[in-house]
Amino acid sequence: MWIFFSLPFLLLSCTQTKEDYVPWEPREYPVMLFSDTTILELYEGSRLSWKVKTAYLERWGGSDSIFVKPIFADIYDSLGNKAAFLRADSGNLNMRMTFVRAYGRVYAISPKGAAVRADSLMWLKSDDKIRTDGPVRVVSETGDVLQGIGFLSDAKLENWHIRSKVTGIFQDAANRLKEEDSRLVP
């Protein structure tokens, strides 16, 4: 008698009602996903030109664009010397490193001590320039602080300019003017 009762109970427990059915939906996943410390190095021949360190990296299929969060990048010149360091909350670059976009609390510094702060910066390999159209603050090697809107610089942060609405604080300006004037007067 126990067999007759258990078979209908077993059949009833395995049936699925229409309300319980959830259709399977395919999900897309990145083709590359690293959620631990990851280091990317880009070489041009035998010379290291970029080193990027991040805690999160993803790349989706059909694109060579890579998203990283955060981004720490060392940039090297054609002689292999460190030309600049870049740090930001997140960034976007491509597999060939022909561009790097940095977003959120961007900070870049040159080996000589010039520092740039911005909400975003972009570097293009084609012209080897760093630029932004947004607000920027630059502290020069001498400690002068300039800020404004828009920025264009070489990759070493040696030759740069702020495009508009420039304001600044110049360190020891009075003495610097006296020195300059003394050089002009014979």
Protein backbone atom coordinates (compact mmCIF):
# COMPACT_ATOMS: atom_id res chain seq x y z
CA MET A 1 0.00 0.00 0.00
CA TRP A 2 2.85 2.32 0.67
CA ILE A 3 4.02 1.99 -2.97
CA PHE A 4 0.68 3.25 -4.32
CA PHE A 5 0.77 6.38 -2.17
CA SER A 6 4.42 7.24 -2.78
CA LEU A 7 4.25 7.04 -6.61
CA PRO A 8 1.50 9.69 -6.98
CA PHE A 9 3.22 11.85 -4.37
CA LEU A 10 6.52 11.56 -6.26
CA LEU A 11 4.84 12.49 -9.55
CA LEU A 12 3.08 15.47 -7.97
CA SER A 13 6.27 16.79 -6.39
CA CYS A 14 8.13 16.75 -9.76
CA THR A 15 5.52 18.64 -11.75
CA GLN A 16 6.09 22.32 -12.40
CA THR A 17 3.36 24.89 -12.60
CA LYS A 18 3.35 27.66 -15.19
CA GLU A 19 4.00 30.29 -12.49
CA ASP A 20 7.23 28.54 -11.39
CA TYR A 21 8.74 28.54 -14.90
CA VAL A 22 11.49 31.14 -15.47
CA PRO A 23 12.85 31.20 -19.01
CA TRP A 24 16.63 31.08 -19.42
CA GLU A 25 17.98 34.32 -20.78
CA PRO A 26 21.48 34.38 -22.22
CA ARG A 27 23.86 36.91 -20.67
CA GLU A 28 26.85 38.52 -22.26
CA TYR A 29 30.13 38.39 -20.44
CA PRO A 30 33.41 40.16 -21.09
CA VAL A 31 35.99 38.24 -23.09
CA MET A 32 38.59 39.39 -20.54
CA LEU A 33 37.83 40.02 -16.88
CA PHE A 34 40.43 40.41 -14.15
CA SER A 35 39.31 41.44 -10.68
CA ASP A 36 42.67 41.34 -8.96
CA THR A 37 45.90 43.28 -9.41
CA THR A 38 46.75 43.24 -13.09
CA ILE A 39 49.74 44.76 -14.86
CA LEU A 40 49.81 45.49 -18.59
CA GLU A 41 53.05 46.43 -20.31
CA LEU A 42 53.33 47.79 -23.82
CA TYR A 43 56.61 47.49 -25.66
CA GLU A 44 57.66 49.15 -28.87
CA GLY A 45 60.30 46.74 -30.06
CA SER A 46 62.39 46.01 -26.97
CA ARG A 47 61.59 49.37 -25.31
CA LEU A 48 58.95 49.62 -22.59
CA SER A 49 56.64 52.53 -23.42
CA TRP A 50 53.73 52.03 -20.95
CA LYS A 51 53.07 50.12 -17.76
CA VAL A 52 49.47 50.10 -16.48
CA LYS A 53 48.48 48.66 -13.10
CA THR A 54 44.86 48.17 -12.06
CA ALA A 55 42.66 46.21 -9.67
CA TYR A 56 39.85 45.61 -12.20
CA LEU A 57 40.05 45.12 -15.96
CA GLU A 58 37.40 44.14 -18.48
CA ARG A 59 37.28 43.86 -22.26
CA TRP A 60 34.16 43.02 -24.23
CA GLY A 61 34.03 41.05 -27.49
CA GLY A 62 33.92 42.96 -30.74
CA SER A 63 36.05 45.77 -29.33
CA ASP A 64 39.69 46.24 -28.44
CA SER A 65 38.72 48.82 -25.80
CA ILE A 66 39.72 47.95 -22.23
CA PHE A 67 38.09 49.43 -19.12
CA VAL A 68 40.21 49.61 -15.94
CA LYS A 69 39.42 50.75 -12.42
CA PRO A 70 41.55 52.38 -10.98
CA ILE A 71 44.37 53.22 -13.35
CA PHE A 72 48.01 53.70 -12.40
CA ALA A 73 50.20 54.28 -15.45
CA ASP A 74 53.92 54.84 -15.91
CA ILE A 75 54.73 56.44 -19.26
CA TYR A 76 58.23 56.10 -20.75
CA ASP A 77 59.95 58.23 -23.38
CA SER A 78 61.80 57.00 -26.48
CA LEU A 79 64.99 56.50 -24.43
CA GLY A 80 63.22 54.31 -21.85
CA ASN A 81 63.18 56.99 -19.13
CA LYS A 82 60.02 57.58 -17.12
CA ALA A 83 58.28 60.58 -18.73
CA ALA A 84 55.18 60.81 -16.51
CA PHE A 85 52.98 59.03 -14.00
CA LEU A 86 49.18 59.01 -14.21
CA ARG A 87 46.63 58.01 -11.57
CA ALA A 88 42.81 58.12 -11.82
CA ASP A 89 39.66 56.48 -10.50
CA SER A 90 39.09 54.71 -13.82
CA GLY A 91 40.26 54.66 -17.39
CA ASN A 92 39.76 53.39 -20.88
CA LEU A 93 42.48 52.32 -23.32
CA ASN A 94 42.85 50.06 -26.29
CA MET A 95 44.90 46.94 -26.89
CA ARG A 96 47.42 48.81 -29.04
CA MET A 97 47.71 51.65 -26.47
CA THR A 98 47.04 54.31 -29.08
CA PHE A 99 45.00 56.26 -26.54
CA VAL A 100 44.36 56.42 -22.81
CA ARG A 101 41.41 58.22 -21.22
CA ALA A 102 41.47 58.76 -17.47
CA TYR A 103 38.37 59.76 -15.47
CA GLY A 104 37.67 60.85 -11.91
CA ARG A 105 40.26 62.47 -9.66
CA VAL A 106 42.97 62.40 -12.31
CA TYR A 107 46.50 63.16 -11.16
CA ALA A 108 49.55 63.26 -13.41
CA ILE A 109 53.11 64.13 -12.44
CA SER A 110 56.34 64.56 -14.36
CA PRO A 111 59.77 63.40 -13.14
CA LYS A 112 60.71 67.09 -12.72
CA GLY A 113 57.77 67.65 -10.36
CA ALA A 114 55.06 69.36 -12.44
CA ALA A 115 51.65 68.06 -11.34
CA VAL A 116 48.26 68.19 -13.07
CA ARG A 117 44.86 67.58 -11.48
CA ALA A 118 41.68 67.28 -13.53
CA ASP A 119 38.37 65.43 -13.79
CA SER A 120 39.55 63.78 -17.01
CA LEU A 121 42.61 63.62 -19.24
CA MET A 122 43.24 62.01 -22.58
CA TRP A 123 46.53 60.99 -24.20
CA LEU A 124 46.79 60.22 -27.91
CA LYS A 125 49.79 58.34 -29.22
CA SER A 126 49.44 59.88 -32.70
CA ASP A 127 50.51 63.34 -31.47
CA ASP A 128 51.93 62.34 -28.04
CA LYS A 129 49.80 65.03 -26.35
CA ILE A 130 47.82 65.10 -23.13
CA ARG A 131 44.62 67.15 -23.17
CA THR A 132 41.35 67.94 -21.47
CA ASP A 133 38.54 70.36 -22.20
CA GLY A 134 37.45 70.55 -18.56
CA PRO A 135 38.75 72.28 -15.45
CA VAL A 136 42.42 71.76 -14.65
CA ARG A 137 44.89 72.73 -11.93
CA VAL A 138 48.64 72.70 -12.56
CA VAL A 139 51.43 73.04 -10.03
CA SER A 140 54.69 73.83 -11.82
CA GLU A 141 58.17 72.65 -10.85
CA THR A 142 58.70 76.02 -9.11
CA GLY A 143 55.49 75.70 -7.06
CA ASP A 144 53.37 78.13 -9.08
CA VAL A 145 49.70 77.12 -9.10
CA LEU A 146 47.64 77.81 -12.21
CA GLN A 147 44.11 76.76 -12.96
CA GLY A 148 41.62 77.23 -15.73
CA ILE A 149 39.61 75.47 -18.39
CA GLY A 150 41.19 73.24 -21.02
CA PHE A 151 44.74 71.91 -21.06
CA LEU A 152 47.23 70.80 -23.70
CA SER A 153 50.68 69.37 -22.98
CA ASP A 154 53.40 67.14 -24.31
CA ALA A 155 53.56 63.69 -22.66
CA LYS A 156 56.43 64.80 -20.38
CA LEU A 157 54.37 67.74 -18.99
CA GLU A 158 57.22 70.09 -19.91
CA ASN A 159 55.51 72.24 -22.56
CA TRP A 160 51.93 72.91 -21.58
CA HIS A 161 49.29 75.62 -21.56
CA ILE A 162 45.87 76.21 -20.07
CA ARG A 163 43.41 77.34 -22.72
CA SER A 164 41.06 79.77 -20.94
CA LYS A 165 39.95 81.41 -17.67
CA VAL A 166 43.48 81.16 -16.28
CA THR A 167 44.15 82.27 -12.71
CA GLY A 168 47.26 81.65 -10.68
CA ILE A 169 49.38 82.04 -7.61
CA PHE A 170 53.07 82.64 -8.21
CA GLN A 171 55.60 81.71 -5.57
CA ASP A 172 57.96 84.52 -4.53
CA ALA A 173 56.77 86.67 -7.45
CA ALA A 174 58.30 89.94 -6.18
CA ASN A 175 61.83 88.52 -5.96
CA ARG A 176 61.49 86.77 -9.30
CA LEU A 177 60.49 90.09 -10.94
CA LYS A 178 63.46 91.87 -9.34
CA GLU A 179 65.83 89.20 -10.64
CA GLU A 180 64.33 89.47 -14.11
CA ASP A 181 64.59 93.27 -14.05
CA SER A 182 68.23 93.14 -12.90
CA ARG A 183 69.10 90.97 -15.91
CA LEU A 184 67.56 93.51 -18.29
CA VAL A 185 69.32 96.60 -16.81
CA PRO A 186 73.04 96.89 -17.73
